[in-house]
C-alpha atoms as a PDB file:
ATOM      1  CA  MET A   1      21.082 175.350 -71.505  1.00  0.00           C
ATOM      2  CA  THR A   2      17.813 173.331 -71.030  1.00  0.00           C
ATOM      3  CA  HIS A   3      17.027 170.728 -74.260  1.00  0.00           C
ATOM      4  CA  LYS A   4      12.962 170.396 -74.773  1.00  0.00           C
ATOM      5  CA  ILE A   5      12.202 166.439 -75.951  1.00  0.00           C
ATOM      6  CA  THR A   6       8.912 166.069 -77.971  1.00  0.00           C
ATOM      7  CA  CYS A   7       7.611 162.331 -78.594  1.00  0.00           C
ATOM      8  CA  ARG A   8       5.456 161.907 -81.015  1.00  0.00           C
ATOM      9  CA  VAL A   9       2.932 159.296 -81.359  1.00  0.00           C
ATOM     10  CA  ASN A  10       3.336 158.014 -84.826  1.00  0.00           C
ATOM     11  CA  ARG A  11      -0.576 158.176 -86.007  1.00  0.00           C
ATOM     12  CA  ASP A  12      -0.198 156.781 -89.387  1.00  0.00           C
ATOM     13  CA  HIS A  13      -2.700 154.604 -89.641  1.00  0.00           C
ATOM     14  CA  SER A  14      -2.049 153.644 -93.351  1.00  0.00           C
ATOM     15  CA  SER A  15      -2.351 150.448 -93.931  1.00  0.00           C
ATOM     16  CA  LYS A  16      -6.127 149.751 -91.745  1.00  0.00           C
ATOM     17  CA  GLY A  17      -8.246 148.083 -93.311  1.00  0.00           C
ATOM     18  CA  GLN A  18      -6.556 146.241 -95.681  1.00  0.00           C
ATOM     19  CA  LYS A  19      -5.390 143.236 -94.164  1.00  0.00           C
ATOM     20  CA  ILE A  20      -9.156 141.735 -93.012  1.00  0.00           C
ATOM     21  CA  ASP A  21      -9.595 137.615 -92.647  1.00  0.00           C
ATOM     22  CA  ALA A  22     -13.281 135.761 -93.016  1.00  0.00           C
ATOM     23  CA  ASP A  23     -14.562 136.477 -89.394  1.00  0.00           C
ATOM     24  CA  GLY A  24     -13.632 140.400 -89.883  1.00  0.00           C
ATOM     25  CA  ARG A  25     -10.349 140.858 -87.671  1.00  0.00           C
ATOM     26  CA  ASP A  26      -8.162 143.464 -88.927  1.00  0.00           C
ATOM     27  CA  LEU A  27      -4.375 141.825 -89.664  1.00  0.00           C
ATOM     28  CA  SER A  28      -3.045 144.767 -90.854  1.00  0.00           C
ATOM     29  CA  PHE A  29      -0.186 146.257 -89.947  1.00  0.00           C
ATOM     30  CA  PRO A  30      -1.141 149.581 -86.986  1.00  0.00           C
ATOM     31  CA  ASN A  31       1.228 152.545 -88.925  1.00  0.00           C
ATOM     32  CA  ALA A  32       3.492 153.225 -91.933  1.00  0.00           C
ATOM     33  CA  GLU A  33       6.567 152.113 -89.170  1.00  0.00           C
ATOM     34  CA  GLU A  34       5.509 148.462 -88.702  1.00  0.00           C
ATOM     35  CA  VAL A  35       4.669 148.381 -92.752  1.00  0.00           C
ATOM     36  CA  PHE A  36       8.428 149.581 -93.726  1.00  0.00           C
ATOM     37  CA  VAL A  37       9.865 147.469 -90.995  1.00  0.00           C
ATOM     38  CA  ILE A  38       8.504 144.031 -92.369  1.00  0.00           C
ATOM     39  CA  GLN A  39       9.690 145.052 -96.249  1.00  0.00           C
ATOM     40  CA  MET A  40      12.549 144.957 -94.622  1.00  0.00           C
ATOM     41  CA  THR A  41      12.789 141.623 -92.761  1.00  0.00           C
ATOM     42  CA  ASN A  42      11.009 140.786 -96.181  1.00  0.00           C
ATOM     43  CA  GLN A  43      14.264 141.528 -98.104  1.00  0.00           C
ATOM     44  CA  VAL A  44      16.071 139.265 -95.394  1.00  0.00           C
ATOM     45  CA  ALA A  45      13.671 135.922 -95.004  1.00  0.00           C
ATOM     46  CA  ALA A  46      13.764 136.017 -98.763  1.00  0.00           C
ATOM     47  CA  ARG A  47      17.526 135.242 -99.203  1.00  0.00           C
ATOM     48  CA  LEU A  48      17.225 133.321 -95.959  1.00  0.00           C
ATOM     49  CA  GLY A  49      14.329 131.240 -97.808  1.00  0.00           C
ATOM     50  CA  GLU A  50      12.392 131.313 -95.299  1.00  0.00           C
ATOM     51  CA  ASP A  51       8.108 132.635 -95.127  1.00  0.00           C
ATOM     52  CA  ARG A  52       7.433 136.006 -95.925  1.00  0.00           C
ATOM     53  CA  ARG A  53       5.278 138.353 -94.158  1.00  0.00           C
ATOM     54  CA  SER A  54       2.583 140.416 -94.992  1.00  0.00           C
ATOM     55  CA  ASN A  55       0.109 141.372 -92.064  1.00  0.00           C
ATOM     56  CA  TYR A  56      -0.132 139.640 -88.502  1.00  0.00           C
ATOM     57  CA  GLY A  57      -1.847 136.708 -89.504  1.00  0.00           C
ATOM     58  CA  ARG A  58      -0.962 133.577 -89.854  1.00  0.00           C
ATOM     59  CA  SER A  59      -0.442 130.753 -92.241  1.00  0.00           C
ATOM     60  CA  TYR A  60       0.178 126.822 -90.769  1.00  0.00           C
ATOM     61  CA  TYR A  61       0.585 125.365 -93.203  1.00  0.00           C
ATOM     62  CA  PRO A  62       2.599 121.063 -92.757  1.00  0.00           C
ATOM     63  CA  THR A  63       6.177 121.178 -93.118  1.00  0.00           C
ATOM     64  CA  ARG A  64       9.104 118.352 -94.447  1.00  0.00           C
ATOM     65  CA  GLY A  65      10.588 118.987 -90.902  1.00  0.00           C
ATOM     66  CA  VAL A  66      11.397 121.150 -87.408  1.00  0.00           C
ATOM     67  CA  LEU A  67      13.621 122.407 -89.085  1.00  0.00           C
ATOM     68  CA  THR A  68      12.273 123.484 -92.708  1.00  0.00           C
ATOM     69  CA  THR A  69       9.957 125.715 -93.533  1.00  0.00           C
ATOM     70  CA  LYS A  70       9.492 123.406 -96.872  1.00  0.00           C
ATOM     71  CA  ARG A  71       6.108 122.310 -97.409  1.00  0.00           C
ATOM     72  CA  THR A  72       5.734 118.454 -97.702  1.00  0.00           C
ATOM     73  CA  LYS A  73       5.250 117.312-100.896  1.00  0.00           C
ATOM     74  CA  LYS A  74       1.013 116.328-101.944  1.00  0.00           C
ATOM     75  CA  GLY A  75       0.342 112.576-103.222  1.00  0.00           C
END
């Protein structure tokens, strides 16, 4: 018996163009699978008190130390 394996390429680009930075770069996730994975990752991050992800961009900010994601206090 022979089985035929079909490989489908995920062509769902529904999130493209939703996150554009000031320089015009598209920071959106390339497909629905990555959107789903990041949603699940953010659920775990919320429970751990860690930063959430919304795109491939970065938001740098000063922290209280190397072992925390808490921002430094102003003033």
